[in-house]
Amino acid sequence: EVYPDCVTVLGGPHATLMDKDIIRENPEIDVIVRGEGEVTFLELTKVILDVEGNLKDVAGITFRNEGCVIRTNDRPYIMNLDQLPYPSFQHFPLKKYRRFGYLILPVLSSRGCPFNCAFCSAPKIAGRQVRMRNPQKVVDELEYMKKAFSPDAFTFHDETFTYNSERVYELCNEIIRRKLHVPWDCSTRVDCVSREILIKMAEANCQLISFGIESGSQEMLNIMRKGTTVRQGEKAIKYAKDAGLCVSISLIIGYPGETVESMAQTFDFIRRTEPDSVELSIATPYPGTELYDIVKEMGYKVEWDWERFDMQTSVIHEPFIGKINLKKIRQKFYNEFYTPNYIVRHWVKGTFYSRLLARVAVNHILNRIKKIIILGL
C-alpha cells in the first residue's frame, strides 16, 4: 500500500513448497524465489531492472502473469558454497537480534541432508547431497565476523554438523590454531558422533550440542523413519556430557501412532539422560514432509491454519492424539523442568551456554508468574 509499484518477493521453505497456492491466494505477492536464493535473487533483480527483461528467463521462480501462475524450471543446487560471499550483517540492526543481550551469529558450513525423517522437509529444500564448505574458508568467516561484529557466540545451522568427521576435525583444529576463543554450538544426529569427535569439538570451544532424539520409544523412532536407536541417543548424550558440553535434545510428541506408553517412554528418556535443554515439539505436518502426506492420506482432521503451525499447538486430530491436550502436557513439562535448582546448577557451571540456559529458565519462570498473577492460571 505504501509502495504500490514495488515488486514484492517471497522466499524460504514454506514459499518454496507452497509456491503456487501462495501466488494464487495472495495478490500482493509478485514473485516467489524457490530453494536457494543467492543466485536466483540476483538474476531476478537484474531482470526486473531491465526494461526488456523477461521473468521466464529466471530459473527457480514462480510468478503471476495475466492471471496465470508461471513456474520456471528448478535451479540446480549451488555445488561450490565457497563461492558465496559472507552474509552482510552490517546491513542488519543487530541489536534487535540479541538474545538476553547476547549476540549469537549464524554460520552455515554445509547444506543438504541425506536422511529420511518423516517429519522434516530439509531434503526437499536443500537436497539430499551434503555440500560442504572448505574448513579453512569457514574459519575465515568466523574470524571475519569476530573482528567485524564482536559476537558472543556462533551457532552452526548445518542440518548435521558432524556428518563428515574428518572435516569437523580439520575445522576444529583450525579454530584452535587461530585461537578464536568464541563459544559455539551446533546440531547433529546421535549416529554421527563419537567420543573422540566430541572431545575435539569441546577443545575448539564448542559448548553446546543439539541432538535430534525425537522419541524415547523405539517404535516411534521407526514410525518416524529416524534411522536411529534409543541406545544410540543415550550413548551420544553421555559422550557429550563427558566431554563437558551442554546437551540439548529435540523431541516430538503426538506423532500419529503415539500412545500413552510411547509418550511415557519419551519422558522417561529425559529423566534417565538428564539433558541440559529440551526442545519439546508437538508433531506438525509441514508441507514437504512425509507426515504432511500421511495425514492427508489417512483423512485425519487437521487445522490448516499456518499461524498455528508453531510446534507448540496440536493441529492434528488423530483418534488417539485428539483425546489428549498436548499443549498442556508440554507446558506442564517445562514448568517442572525449569526449577530454581536448574538455574543455580547451570549458572555455577560458568560457561557462556550454561548461563544462557539459566537465563532461559529464569525467563520461563518469570513468564509463568506473570500469567498466574494476570490470568490466574
Protein backbone atom coordinates (compact mmCIF):
# COMPACT_ATOMS: atom_id res chain seq x y z
CA GLU A 1 0.00 0.00 0.00
CA VAL A 2 2.86 2.38 0.78
CA TYR A 3 4.87 1.42 -2.33
CA PRO A 4 2.31 0.17 -4.89
CA ASP A 5 4.89 -0.10 -7.68
CA CYS A 6 7.31 -2.12 -5.58
CA VAL A 7 7.90 -5.74 -6.63
CA THR A 8 7.24 -8.00 -3.62
CA VAL A 9 9.34 -11.17 -3.50
CA LEU A 10 8.89 -14.06 -1.08
CA GLY A 11 11.32 -16.89 -0.29
CA GLY A 12 12.05 -19.60 2.27
CA PRO A 13 10.89 -23.18 2.93
CA HIS A 14 7.14 -22.53 3.08
CA ALA A 15 7.19 -20.34 -0.02
CA THR A 16 9.28 -22.93 -1.88
CA LEU A 17 6.94 -25.82 -1.11
CA MET A 18 3.62 -23.95 -1.39
CA ASP A 19 4.55 -21.52 -4.14
CA LYS A 20 1.54 -21.97 -6.42
CA ASP A 21 -1.00 -21.67 -3.61
CA ILE A 22 0.69 -18.57 -2.21
CA ILE A 23 0.74 -16.81 -5.58
CA ARG A 24 -2.91 -17.69 -6.22
CA GLU A 25 -4.18 -16.66 -2.79
CA ASN A 26 -2.04 -13.56 -2.18
CA PRO A 27 -2.27 -10.93 -4.93
CA GLU A 28 0.17 -8.73 -3.01
CA ILE A 29 2.97 -11.26 -3.66
CA ASP A 30 4.53 -10.82 -7.11
CA VAL A 31 7.33 -13.39 -7.22
CA ILE A 32 8.48 -16.37 -5.18
CA VAL A 33 12.10 -17.46 -5.17
CA ARG A 34 12.24 -21.23 -4.66
CA GLY A 35 15.05 -23.05 -2.90
CA GLU A 36 18.48 -21.45 -2.55
CA GLY A 37 18.07 -17.79 -3.31
CA GLU A 38 21.53 -16.29 -3.71
CA VAL A 39 21.93 -16.71 -7.48
CA THR A 40 18.23 -16.64 -8.29
CA PHE A 41 17.52 -13.38 -6.48
CA LEU A 42 20.48 -11.66 -8.14
CA GLU A 43 19.29 -12.72 -11.59
CA LEU A 44 15.73 -11.72 -10.70
CA THR A 45 16.84 -8.25 -9.66
CA LYS A 46 18.72 -7.74 -12.93
CA VAL A 47 15.68 -8.81 -14.98
CA ILE A 48 13.32 -6.54 -13.02
CA LEU A 49 15.63 -3.56 -13.54
CA ASP A 50 15.99 -4.34 -17.26
CA VAL A 51 13.16 -2.83 -19.30
CA GLU A 52 13.40 -5.71 -21.77
CA GLY A 53 13.86 -8.38 -19.09
CA ASN A 54 11.65 -11.47 -19.05
CA LEU A 55 10.89 -13.27 -15.80
CA LYS A 56 10.55 -16.53 -17.70
CA ASP A 57 14.32 -16.45 -18.23
CA VAL A 58 14.99 -16.73 -14.48
CA ALA A 59 15.21 -20.31 -13.22
CA GLY A 60 13.78 -21.15 -9.80
CA ILE A 61 10.94 -18.64 -9.54
CA THR A 62 7.14 -18.68 -9.51
CA PHE A 63 5.15 -15.61 -10.52
CA ARG A 64 1.84 -14.34 -11.82
CA ASN A 65 1.35 -13.33 -15.44
CA GLU A 66 -2.03 -12.18 -16.77
CA GLY A 67 -3.87 -14.17 -14.13
CA CYS A 68 -1.85 -17.37 -14.65
CA VAL A 69 0.71 -18.86 -12.31
CA ILE A 70 4.03 -19.38 -14.08
CA ARG A 71 6.61 -21.73 -12.60
CA THR A 72 10.06 -21.72 -14.23
CA ASN A 73 12.41 -24.70 -14.15
CA ASP A 74 14.06 -25.54 -10.84
CA ARG A 75 17.51 -24.06 -10.36
CA PRO A 76 20.30 -26.58 -9.69
CA TYR A 77 21.74 -26.50 -6.18
CA ILE A 78 24.86 -24.42 -5.63
CA MET A 79 27.63 -27.00 -5.52
CA ASN A 80 30.52 -24.71 -4.62
CA LEU A 81 29.33 -22.97 -1.46
CA ASP A 82 32.73 -21.33 -1.04
CA GLN A 83 31.92 -19.03 -3.96
CA LEU A 84 29.20 -17.32 -1.95
CA PRO A 85 30.03 -14.07 -0.11
CA TYR A 86 29.65 -13.74 3.64
CA PRO A 87 26.23 -12.63 4.93
CA SER A 88 26.04 -8.82 5.03
CA PHE A 89 25.27 -8.48 8.72
CA GLN A 90 26.46 -4.86 8.59
CA HIS A 91 23.12 -4.00 6.97
CA PHE A 92 21.10 -5.53 9.83
CA PRO A 93 20.11 -3.80 13.08
CA LEU A 94 21.95 -6.48 15.06
CA LYS A 95 20.82 -5.01 18.40
CA LYS A 96 17.35 -6.33 17.63
CA TYR A 97 18.72 -9.83 17.13
CA ARG A 98 20.32 -10.13 20.55
CA ARG A 99 19.07 -12.79 22.94
CA PHE A 100 19.13 -11.72 26.57
CA GLY A 101 21.58 -9.08 25.44
CA TYR A 102 23.87 -11.61 23.73
CA LEU A 103 24.74 -11.55 20.03
CA ILE A 104 24.86 -15.07 18.57
CA LEU A 105 25.62 -15.06 14.85
CA PRO A 106 24.60 -17.89 12.49
CA VAL A 107 27.08 -19.77 10.31
CA LEU A 108 26.38 -22.33 7.61
CA SER A 109 29.26 -24.67 6.79
CA SER A 110 27.27 -27.19 4.73
CA ARG A 111 23.92 -27.68 3.04
CA GLY A 112 21.87 -30.76 2.31
CA CYS A 113 20.53 -33.76 4.22
CA PRO A 114 20.57 -37.41 3.02
CA PHE A 115 18.31 -38.76 5.76
CA ASN A 116 14.63 -39.73 5.61
CA CYS A 117 12.98 -38.35 8.75
CA ALA A 118 9.24 -38.33 8.04
CA PHE A 119 8.60 -35.08 9.93
CA CYS A 120 11.27 -32.96 8.18
CA SER A 121 11.32 -31.14 4.84
CA ALA A 122 15.07 -30.36 4.80
CA PRO A 123 15.89 -32.72 1.89
CA LYS A 124 13.18 -31.03 -0.20
CA ILE A 125 14.71 -27.61 0.49
CA ALA A 126 18.46 -28.18 0.42
CA GLY A 127 18.66 -31.50 -1.41
CA ARG A 128 19.93 -34.90 -0.31
CA GLN A 129 23.55 -34.37 -1.30
CA VAL A 130 25.59 -32.81 1.51
CA ARG A 131 27.61 -29.95 0.03
CA MET A 132 30.40 -28.91 2.36
CA ARG A 133 32.47 -25.75 2.54
CA ASN A 134 36.23 -25.80 2.91
CA PRO A 135 37.00 -25.75 6.66
CA GLN A 136 39.65 -23.06 6.13
CA LYS A 137 37.04 -20.84 4.46
CA VAL A 138 34.58 -21.43 7.28
CA VAL A 139 37.10 -20.35 9.89
CA ASP A 140 38.00 -17.36 7.71
CA GLU A 141 34.35 -16.33 8.04
CA LEU A 142 34.35 -16.88 11.80
CA GLU A 143 37.49 -14.77 12.11
CA TYR A 144 35.99 -12.01 9.97
CA MET A 145 32.75 -11.94 11.98
CA LYS A 146 34.65 -11.87 15.26
CA LYS A 147 36.58 -8.78 14.16
CA ALA A 148 33.65 -7.04 12.47
CA PHE A 149 30.78 -7.68 14.90
CA SER A 150 32.26 -8.96 18.21
CA PRO A 151 29.65 -11.72 18.68
CA ASP A 152 29.26 -13.52 21.99
CA ALA A 153 28.92 -16.85 20.19
CA PHE A 154 28.39 -18.58 16.85
CA THR A 155 25.67 -21.08 16.00
CA PHE A 156 26.17 -23.53 13.13
CA HIS A 157 22.94 -24.07 11.20
CA ASP A 158 24.07 -27.18 9.32
CA GLU A 159 21.45 -29.92 9.27
CA THR A 160 24.02 -32.44 10.52
CA PHE A 161 27.20 -30.66 11.56
CA THR A 162 29.21 -33.84 12.22
CA TYR A 163 28.13 -35.65 9.03
CA ASN A 164 31.77 -35.77 7.88
CA SER A 165 34.00 -36.31 10.90
CA GLU A 166 37.25 -35.69 9.00
CA ARG A 167 36.06 -32.23 8.04
CA VAL A 168 34.97 -31.49 11.62
CA TYR A 169 38.42 -32.44 12.91
CA GLU A 170 40.01 -30.12 10.36
CA LEU A 171 37.65 -27.27 11.21
CA CYS A 172 38.16 -27.65 14.96
CA ASN A 173 41.94 -27.82 14.61
CA GLU A 174 41.86 -24.62 12.57
CA ILE A 175 39.72 -22.86 15.20
CA ILE A 176 42.21 -23.95 17.86
CA ARG A 177 45.22 -22.91 15.76
CA ARG A 178 43.84 -19.42 15.18
CA LYS A 179 42.85 -19.03 18.84
CA LEU A 180 39.38 -17.66 18.10
CA HIS A 181 38.16 -18.15 21.67
CA VAL A 182 34.48 -17.66 20.76
CA PRO A 183 31.99 -20.28 22.04
CA TRP A 184 29.76 -22.03 19.52
CA ASP A 185 27.01 -24.60 19.19
CA CYS A 186 25.75 -26.97 16.53
CA SER A 187 23.13 -29.62 15.76
CA THR A 188 23.62 -33.21 14.64
CA ARG A 189 22.39 -36.80 14.78
CA VAL A 190 23.23 -39.30 17.51
CA ASP A 191 24.62 -41.77 14.95
CA CYS A 192 27.07 -39.20 13.58
CA VAL A 193 29.20 -38.60 16.69
CA SER A 194 31.91 -40.42 18.60
CA ARG A 195 33.53 -39.83 21.95
CA GLU A 196 36.69 -38.59 20.17
CA ILE A 197 34.96 -36.07 17.90
CA LEU A 198 33.03 -34.57 20.82
CA ILE A 199 36.22 -34.13 22.84
CA LYS A 200 37.86 -32.37 19.88
CA MET A 201 34.82 -30.09 19.47
CA ALA A 202 34.99 -29.17 23.15
CA GLU A 203 38.67 -28.30 22.73
CA ALA A 204 37.66 -25.92 19.93
CA ASN A 205 35.22 -24.20 22.34
CA CYS A 206 32.02 -25.89 21.25
CA GLN A 207 29.91 -25.52 24.39
CA LEU A 208 26.52 -26.86 23.36
CA ILE A 209 25.42 -29.62 21.02
CA SER A 210 21.83 -30.34 19.98
CA PHE A 211 20.77 -33.90 19.18
CA GLY A 212 17.64 -34.81 17.26
CA ILE A 213 16.43 -37.58 19.58
CA GLU A 214 12.73 -37.25 18.60
CA SER A 215 11.40 -40.02 20.89
CA GLY A 216 12.30 -42.32 23.76
CA SER A 217 10.27 -45.07 22.12
CA GLN A 218 11.99 -47.27 19.54
CA GLU A 219 8.64 -47.99 17.94
CA MET A 220 8.02 -44.29 17.41
CA LEU A 221 11.54 -43.75 16.06
CA ASN A 222 10.82 -46.46 13.50
CA ILE A 223 7.47 -44.89 12.57
CA MET A 224 9.16 -41.50 12.15
CA ARG A 225 11.82 -43.15 9.93
CA LYS A 226 14.53 -41.59 12.07
CA GLY A 227 17.04 -44.38 11.45
CA THR A 228 18.50 -44.28 14.96
CA THR A 229 18.03 -46.23 18.19
CA VAL A 230 17.21 -45.21 21.74
CA ARG A 231 20.54 -46.69 22.84
CA GLN A 232 22.44 -44.53 20.35
CA GLY A 233 20.74 -41.49 21.83
CA GLU A 234 21.73 -42.47 25.36
CA LYS A 235 25.35 -43.02 24.37
CA ALA A 236 25.64 -39.77 22.40
CA ILE A 237 24.31 -37.73 25.31
CA LYS A 238 26.70 -39.45 27.76
CA TYR A 239 29.70 -38.90 25.48
CA ALA A 240 28.82 -35.23 25.01
CA LYS A 241 28.38 -34.64 28.74
CA ASP A 242 31.62 -36.48 29.48
CA ALA A 243 33.33 -34.07 27.07
CA GLY A 244 31.97 -31.14 29.10
CA LEU A 245 29.36 -29.99 26.59
CA CYS A 246 25.89 -28.76 27.41
CA VAL A 247 23.41 -31.07 25.71
CA SER A 248 20.14 -30.01 24.13
CA ILE A 249 17.76 -32.61 22.71
CA SER A 250 14.74 -32.22 20.44
CA LEU A 251 11.72 -34.45 20.95
CA ILE A 252 8.35 -34.84 19.24
CA ILE A 253 5.12 -35.87 20.92
CA GLY A 254 1.75 -36.52 19.31
CA TYR A 255 3.06 -38.09 16.11
CA PRO A 256 0.47 -40.41 14.50
CA GLY A 257 0.88 -43.80 16.17
CA GLU A 258 1.79 -42.25 19.53
CA THR A 259 0.33 -43.95 22.60
CA VAL A 260 0.29 -43.24 26.32
CA GLU A 261 3.06 -45.82 26.70
CA SER A 262 5.31 -44.38 23.98
CA MET A 263 4.89 -40.85 25.33
CA ALA A 264 5.79 -42.10 28.81
CA GLN A 265 8.94 -43.68 27.35
CA THR A 266 9.95 -40.29 25.96
CA PHE A 267 9.61 -38.55 29.31
CA ASP A 268 11.42 -41.44 30.98
CA PHE A 269 14.26 -40.97 28.47
CA ILE A 270 14.59 -37.34 29.59
CA ARG A 271 14.75 -38.39 33.24
CA ARG A 272 17.39 -41.06 32.54
CA THR A 273 19.69 -38.98 30.34
CA GLU A 274 19.30 -35.60 32.12
CA PRO A 275 19.89 -33.24 29.16
CA ASP A 276 20.61 -29.58 29.85
CA SER A 277 17.90 -28.39 27.48
CA VAL A 278 14.87 -29.93 25.84
CA GLU A 279 13.03 -28.73 22.75
CA LEU A 280 9.70 -30.49 23.14
CA SER A 281 7.65 -30.13 19.96
CA ILE A 282 4.17 -31.25 19.01
CA ALA A 283 4.06 -33.16 15.71
CA THR A 284 3.23 -30.72 12.93
CA PRO A 285 2.58 -31.75 9.28
CA TYR A 286 4.67 -29.18 7.45
CA PRO A 287 4.45 -29.16 3.64
CA GLY A 288 7.17 -31.20 2.01
CA THR A 289 7.24 -33.82 4.77
CA GLU A 290 6.09 -37.41 4.68
CA LEU A 291 3.90 -36.55 7.69
CA TYR A 292 2.07 -33.99 5.55
CA ASP A 293 1.23 -36.74 3.04
CA ILE A 294 0.30 -39.23 5.79
CA VAL A 295 -2.33 -37.05 7.47
CA LYS A 296 -3.92 -36.31 4.10
CA GLU A 297 -3.93 -39.95 3.01
CA MET A 298 -5.32 -41.13 6.36
CA GLY A 299 -8.01 -38.48 6.32
CA TYR A 300 -7.08 -37.03 9.72
CA LYS A 301 -8.69 -33.76 10.62
CA VAL A 302 -6.01 -31.06 10.51
CA GLU A 303 -6.35 -27.38 11.31
CA TRP A 304 -4.73 -25.90 8.20
CA ASP A 305 -4.13 -22.53 9.81
CA TRP A 306 -0.45 -21.75 9.22
CA GLU A 307 -0.35 -19.42 12.22
CA ARG A 308 -0.98 -22.47 14.42
CA PHE A 309 1.91 -24.39 12.84
CA ASP A 310 4.33 -23.41 15.63
CA MET A 311 5.11 -26.90 17.02
CA GLN A 312 3.58 -25.74 20.30
CA THR A 313 -0.02 -26.27 19.23
CA SER A 314 -1.69 -29.54 18.30
CA VAL A 315 -3.16 -29.25 14.79
CA ILE A 316 -3.59 -32.99 14.06
CA HIS A 317 -6.80 -34.56 15.34
CA GLU A 318 -5.93 -38.25 15.10
CA PRO A 319 -8.11 -40.78 17.02
CA PHE A 320 -5.70 -41.13 19.97
CA ILE A 321 -3.98 -37.76 19.86
CA GLY A 322 -7.24 -35.85 19.69
CA LYS A 323 -8.17 -37.04 23.17
CA ILE A 324 -5.06 -35.61 24.80
CA ASN A 325 -4.23 -31.96 25.42
CA LEU A 326 -0.65 -32.00 24.15
CA LYS A 327 -0.20 -28.29 24.70
CA LYS A 328 -0.93 -28.71 28.42
CA ILE A 329 1.38 -31.71 28.63
CA ARG A 330 4.14 -29.65 27.02
CA GLN A 331 3.56 -26.70 29.34
CA LYS A 332 3.49 -28.95 32.41
CA PHE A 333 6.78 -30.49 31.39
CA TYR A 334 8.56 -27.12 31.16
CA ASN A 335 7.04 -25.96 34.45
CA GLU A 336 8.63 -28.97 36.13
CA PHE A 337 11.86 -28.92 34.11
CA TYR A 338 12.85 -25.32 34.84
CA THR A 339 13.41 -25.06 38.60
CA PRO A 340 15.46 -22.79 40.87
CA ASN A 341 17.91 -25.68 41.24
CA TYR A 342 18.25 -25.85 37.43
CA ILE A 343 19.10 -22.14 37.34
CA VAL A 344 21.73 -22.39 40.07
CA ARG A 345 23.30 -25.52 38.60
CA HIS A 346 23.73 -24.03 35.13
CA TRP A 347 24.82 -20.61 36.35
CA VAL A 348 27.50 -22.13 38.57
CA LYS A 349 28.86 -24.20 35.65
CA GLY A 350 30.00 -20.83 34.32
CA THR A 351 30.19 -21.33 30.54
CA PHE A 352 28.51 -18.96 28.12
CA TYR A 353 25.90 -21.52 27.07
CA SER A 354 25.19 -22.87 30.56
CA ARG A 355 24.46 -19.34 31.73
CA LEU A 356 22.35 -18.71 28.63
CA LEU A 357 20.26 -21.76 29.56
CA ALA A 358 19.95 -20.40 33.09
CA ARG A 359 18.61 -17.15 31.62
CA VAL A 360 16.08 -19.12 29.56
CA ALA A 361 14.89 -20.87 32.73
CA VAL A 362 14.60 -17.57 34.64
CA ASN A 363 12.59 -16.12 31.77
CA HIS A 364 10.23 -19.11 31.75
CA ILE A 365 9.62 -18.92 35.49
CA LEU A 366 9.02 -15.14 35.37
CA ASN A 367 6.54 -15.53 32.50
CA ARG A 368 4.75 -18.25 34.41
CA ILE A 369 4.49 -15.99 37.48
CA LYS A 370 3.10 -13.17 35.31
CA LYS A 371 0.43 -15.50 33.91
CA ILE A 372 -0.54 -16.62 37.39
CA ILE A 373 -0.85 -13.02 38.58
CA ILE A 374 -2.62 -11.64 35.50
CA LEU A 375 -4.75 -14.57 34.39
CA GLY A 376 -4.85 -16.70 37.50
CA LEU A 377 -3.58 -19.71 35.52
